[in-house]
Amino acid sequence: MGDRILKTVSKPSKQAHCVRDESTLNGSIWHKNLEQACSIPKTDTLRKAREQYELAVKPIQTIPRPWDAWVQTWELAMEVGKQKGLANTQNADEWMIDLAEALRGIEVLSTNVQVLTQIQRKEIDDGTLKPRDIANEMRQWGM
């Protein structure tokens, strides 16, 4: 593994993370050193996920064009938030409320999300509702 590291890694990376002794040429140690040097702090990723989510559920006053792009942005923010452990994205009851608030300013969208919430009530309550399911429903609204 050590030879492969030395042959395939850039010179600056080798100098920074790979002291030429047996312990650092071990692949798992090399990977750990590199990961520590290149990783983004968890607080930064959570902050970015929160910002992305807050932007996605910011109340709108006009129907975004194209509608599919808005839905895709919302769905992506939900997925990133779930992966990063963002509290607002973990519970369907909470994120459906946030979605309803985001769409409240447009009567037809507000009505659609209220109906969708009623239809999906069982899945919301038992925690099985997925953002993808809601995004797919919203895409069918034909806005």
C-alpha atoms as a PDB file:
ATOM      1  CA  MET A   1       0.000   0.000   0.000  1.00  0.00           C
ATOM      2  CA  GLY A   2       2.842   2.403   0.794  1.00  0.00           C
ATOM      3  CA  ASP A   3       4.253   2.232  -2.747  1.00  0.00           C
ATOM      4  CA  ARG A   4       0.834   2.952  -4.210  1.00  0.00           C
ATOM      5  CA  ILE A   5       0.420   5.994  -1.949  1.00  0.00           C
ATOM      6  CA  LEU A   6       3.826   7.326  -2.912  1.00  0.00           C
ATOM      7  CA  LYS A   7       3.160   6.841  -6.651  1.00  0.00           C
ATOM      8  CA  THR A   8      -0.375   8.231  -6.836  1.00  0.00           C
ATOM      9  CA  VAL A   9      -0.460  11.141  -4.379  1.00  0.00           C
ATOM     10  CA  SER A  10       0.677  14.666  -5.214  1.00  0.00           C
ATOM     11  CA  LYS A  11       4.007  15.841  -3.841  1.00  0.00           C
ATOM     12  CA  PRO A  12       2.509  18.493  -1.516  1.00  0.00           C
ATOM     13  CA  SER A  13       0.098  15.930  -0.047  1.00  0.00           C
ATOM     14  CA  LYS A  14       2.925  13.462   0.480  1.00  0.00           C
ATOM     15  CA  GLN A  15       5.006  16.108   2.214  1.00  0.00           C
ATOM     16  CA  ALA A  16       2.156  17.178   4.445  1.00  0.00           C
ATOM     17  CA  HIS A  17       0.687  13.800   5.363  1.00  0.00           C
ATOM     18  CA  CYS A  18       3.175  11.067   4.640  1.00  0.00           C
ATOM     19  CA  VAL A  19       6.341  10.922   6.671  1.00  0.00           C
ATOM     20  CA  ARG A  20       8.461   8.160   5.149  1.00  0.00           C
ATOM     21  CA  ASP A  21       8.402   5.581   7.848  1.00  0.00           C
ATOM     22  CA  GLU A  22       6.525   2.320   8.064  1.00  0.00           C
ATOM     23  CA  SER A  23       3.671   3.645  10.216  1.00  0.00           C
ATOM     24  CA  THR A  24       2.535   6.418   7.856  1.00  0.00           C
ATOM     25  CA  LEU A  25       2.790   4.305   4.729  1.00  0.00           C
ATOM     26  CA  ASN A  26       0.078   2.089   6.132  1.00  0.00           C
ATOM     27  CA  GLY A  27      -3.042   2.808   4.071  1.00  0.00           C
ATOM     28  CA  SER A  28      -5.449   3.215   6.966  1.00  0.00           C
ATOM     29  CA  ILE A  29      -3.144   5.644   8.801  1.00  0.00           C
ATOM     30  CA  TRP A  30      -2.526   7.596   5.587  1.00  0.00           C
ATOM     31  CA  HIS A  31      -6.267   7.807   4.998  1.00  0.00           C
ATOM     32  CA  LYS A  32      -6.900   8.970   8.561  1.00  0.00           C
ATOM     33  CA  ASN A  33      -4.229  11.686   8.300  1.00  0.00           C
ATOM     34  CA  LEU A  34      -5.615  12.878   4.980  1.00  0.00           C
ATOM     35  CA  GLU A  35      -9.202  12.810   6.237  1.00  0.00           C
ATOM     36  CA  GLN A  36      -8.276  14.908   9.267  1.00  0.00           C
ATOM     37  CA  ALA A  37      -6.479  17.436   7.098  1.00  0.00           C
ATOM     38  CA  CYS A  38      -9.229  17.726   4.496  1.00  0.00           C
ATOM     39  CA  SER A  39     -12.423  17.295   6.466  1.00  0.00           C
ATOM     40  CA  ILE A  40     -14.883  20.089   7.037  1.00  0.00           C
ATOM     41  CA  PRO A  41     -15.870  20.526  10.693  1.00  0.00           C
ATOM     42  CA  LYS A  42     -19.278  19.032  11.489  1.00  0.00           C
ATOM     43  CA  THR A  43     -20.503  22.402  12.741  1.00  0.00           C
ATOM     44  CA  ASP A  44     -19.789  23.926   9.314  1.00  0.00           C
ATOM     45  CA  THR A  45     -21.682  21.223   7.443  1.00  0.00           C
ATOM     46  CA  LEU A  46     -24.621  21.467   9.846  1.00  0.00           C
ATOM     47  CA  ARG A  47     -24.670  25.270   9.505  1.00  0.00           C
ATOM     48  CA  LYS A  48     -24.681  24.984   5.707  1.00  0.00           C
ATOM     49  CA  ALA A  49     -27.440  22.375   5.834  1.00  0.00           C
ATOM     50  CA  ARG A  50     -29.492  24.683   8.084  1.00  0.00           C
ATOM     51  CA  GLU A  51     -28.975  27.641   5.740  1.00  0.00           C
ATOM     52  CA  GLN A  52     -29.960  25.529   2.737  1.00  0.00           C
ATOM     53  CA  TYR A  53     -33.085  24.301   4.546  1.00  0.00           C
ATOM     54  CA  GLU A  54     -34.099  27.782   5.729  1.00  0.00           C
ATOM     55  CA  LEU A  55     -33.765  29.101   2.193  1.00  0.00           C
ATOM     56  CA  ALA A  56     -35.836  26.200   0.847  1.00  0.00           C
ATOM     57  CA  VAL A  57     -38.706  26.852   3.282  1.00  0.00           C
ATOM     58  CA  LYS A  58     -38.599  30.625   3.039  1.00  0.00           C
ATOM     59  CA  PRO A  59     -42.172  31.814   2.406  1.00  0.00           C
ATOM     60  CA  ILE A  60     -42.876  32.526  -1.252  1.00  0.00           C
ATOM     61  CA  GLN A  61     -45.332  35.079  -2.610  1.00  0.00           C
ATOM     62  CA  THR A  62     -45.443  33.991  -6.252  1.00  0.00           C
ATOM     63  CA  ILE A  63     -45.275  30.573  -7.850  1.00  0.00           C
ATOM     64  CA  PRO A  64     -41.617  29.959  -8.672  1.00  0.00           C
ATOM     65  CA  ARG A  65     -40.804  29.357 -12.327  1.00  0.00           C
ATOM     66  CA  PRO A  66     -39.895  26.705 -13.104  1.00  0.00           C
ATOM     67  CA  TRP A  67     -41.864  24.994 -10.360  1.00  0.00           C
ATOM     68  CA  ASP A  68     -39.857  21.754 -10.705  1.00  0.00           C
ATOM     69  CA  ALA A  69     -36.651  23.622  -9.874  1.00  0.00           C
ATOM     70  CA  TRP A  70     -38.163  24.947  -6.635  1.00  0.00           C
ATOM     71  CA  VAL A  71     -39.367  21.457  -5.708  1.00  0.00           C
ATOM     72  CA  GLN A  72     -35.942  20.013  -6.492  1.00  0.00           C
ATOM     73  CA  THR A  73     -34.246  22.650  -4.307  1.00  0.00           C
ATOM     74  CA  TRP A  74     -36.619  21.835  -1.445  1.00  0.00           C
ATOM     75  CA  GLU A  75     -36.080  18.093  -1.852  1.00  0.00           C
ATOM     76  CA  LEU A  76     -32.291  18.474  -1.908  1.00  0.00           C
ATOM     77  CA  ALA A  77     -32.339  20.661   1.207  1.00  0.00           C
ATOM     78  CA  MET A  78     -34.433  18.006   2.933  1.00  0.00           C
ATOM     79  CA  GLU A  79     -32.044  15.206   1.973  1.00  0.00           C
ATOM     80  CA  VAL A  80     -28.948  17.126   3.023  1.00  0.00           C
ATOM     81  CA  GLY A  81     -30.622  18.106   6.279  1.00  0.00           C
ATOM     82  CA  LYS A  82     -31.608  14.533   7.047  1.00  0.00           C
ATOM     83  CA  GLN A  83     -28.105  13.257   6.289  1.00  0.00           C
ATOM     84  CA  LYS A  84     -26.493  15.904   8.495  1.00  0.00           C
ATOM     85  CA  GLY A  85     -28.962  15.396  11.353  1.00  0.00           C
ATOM     86  CA  LEU A  86     -30.683  18.781  11.083  1.00  0.00           C
ATOM     87  CA  ALA A  87     -33.513  18.692  13.615  1.00  0.00           C
ATOM     88  CA  ASN A  88     -36.219  20.278  11.418  1.00  0.00           C
ATOM     89  CA  THR A  89     -35.788  17.582   8.768  1.00  0.00           C
ATOM     90  CA  GLN A  90     -35.993  14.541  11.029  1.00  0.00           C
ATOM     91  CA  ASN A  91     -39.706  14.594  11.835  1.00  0.00           C
ATOM     92  CA  ALA A  92     -42.293  14.685   9.038  1.00  0.00           C
ATOM     93  CA  ASP A  93     -44.786  16.535  11.213  1.00  0.00           C
ATOM     94  CA  GLU A  94     -42.279  19.396  11.639  1.00  0.00           C
ATOM     95  CA  TRP A  95     -41.095  19.634   8.049  1.00  0.00           C
ATOM     96  CA  MET A  96     -44.642  19.466   6.696  1.00  0.00           C
ATOM     97  CA  ILE A  97     -45.511  22.446   8.907  1.00  0.00           C
ATOM     98  CA  ASP A  98     -42.470  24.300   7.545  1.00  0.00           C
ATOM     99  CA  LEU A  99     -43.488  23.419   3.980  1.00  0.00           C
ATOM    100  CA  ALA A 100     -47.042  24.645   4.613  1.00  0.00           C
ATOM    101  CA  GLU A 101     -45.649  27.921   5.984  1.00  0.00           C
ATOM    102  CA  ALA A 102     -43.443  28.325   2.915  1.00  0.00           C
ATOM    103  CA  LEU A 103     -46.423  27.901   0.586  1.00  0.00           C
ATOM    104  CA  ARG A 104     -49.021  29.759   2.678  1.00  0.00           C
ATOM    105  CA  GLY A 105     -48.766  32.954   0.584  1.00  0.00           C
ATOM    106  CA  ILE A 106     -50.214  31.293  -2.538  1.00  0.00           C
ATOM    107  CA  GLU A 107     -53.744  30.029  -2.044  1.00  0.00           C
ATOM    108  CA  VAL A 108     -53.647  27.139  -4.495  1.00  0.00           C
ATOM    109  CA  LEU A 109     -50.342  25.824  -3.114  1.00  0.00           C
ATOM    110  CA  SER A 110     -51.470  26.316   0.478  1.00  0.00           C
ATOM    111  CA  THR A 111     -54.653  24.363  -0.235  1.00  0.00           C
ATOM    112  CA  ASN A 112     -52.706  21.614  -2.026  1.00  0.00           C
ATOM    113  CA  VAL A 113     -50.288  21.130   0.867  1.00  0.00           C
ATOM    114  CA  GLN A 114     -53.152  21.093   3.386  1.00  0.00           C
ATOM    115  CA  VAL A 115     -54.920  18.367   1.390  1.00  0.00           C
ATOM    116  CA  LEU A 116     -51.662  16.459   1.002  1.00  0.00           C
ATOM    117  CA  THR A 117     -51.089  16.659   4.764  1.00  0.00           C
ATOM    118  CA  GLN A 118     -54.540  15.188   5.390  1.00  0.00           C
ATOM    119  CA  ILE A 119     -54.015  12.399   2.850  1.00  0.00           C
ATOM    120  CA  GLN A 120     -50.580  11.548   4.273  1.00  0.00           C
ATOM    121  CA  ARG A 121     -51.592  11.871   7.954  1.00  0.00           C
ATOM    122  CA  LYS A 122     -50.978   8.186   8.767  1.00  0.00           C
ATOM    123  CA  GLU A 123     -47.477   8.263   7.252  1.00  0.00           C
ATOM    124  CA  ILE A 124     -46.723  11.544   9.023  1.00  0.00           C
ATOM    125  CA  ASP A 125     -47.825  10.122  12.366  1.00  0.00           C
ATOM    126  CA  ASP A 126     -45.952   6.821  12.034  1.00  0.00           C
ATOM    127  CA  GLY A 127     -42.787   8.475  10.709  1.00  0.00           C
ATOM    128  CA  THR A 128     -42.721   6.762   7.315  1.00  0.00           C
ATOM    129  CA  LEU A 129     -43.370   9.790   5.116  1.00  0.00           C
ATOM    130  CA  LYS A 130     -40.358  10.654   2.960  1.00  0.00           C
ATOM    131  CA  PRO A 131     -39.570  14.081   1.480  1.00  0.00           C
ATOM    132  CA  ARG A 132     -39.221  12.370  -1.915  1.00  0.00           C
ATOM    133  CA  ASP A 133     -42.872  11.269  -1.720  1.00  0.00           C
ATOM    134  CA  ILE A 134     -43.998  14.845  -1.084  1.00  0.00           C
ATOM    135  CA  ALA A 135     -41.687  16.223  -3.784  1.00  0.00           C
ATOM    136  CA  ASN A 136     -43.132  13.778  -6.311  1.00  0.00           C
ATOM    137  CA  GLU A 137     -46.657  14.848  -5.355  1.00  0.00           C
ATOM    138  CA  MET A 138     -45.744  18.531  -5.666  1.00  0.00           C
ATOM    139  CA  ARG A 139     -44.276  17.942  -9.144  1.00  0.00           C
ATOM    140  CA  GLN A 140     -47.656  16.630 -10.250  1.00  0.00           C
ATOM    141  CA  TRP A 141     -49.387  19.881  -9.310  1.00  0.00           C
ATOM    142  CA  GLY A 142     -48.386  21.220 -12.730  1.00  0.00           C
ATOM    143  CA  MET A 143     -47.481  24.725 -11.645  1.00  0.00           C
END
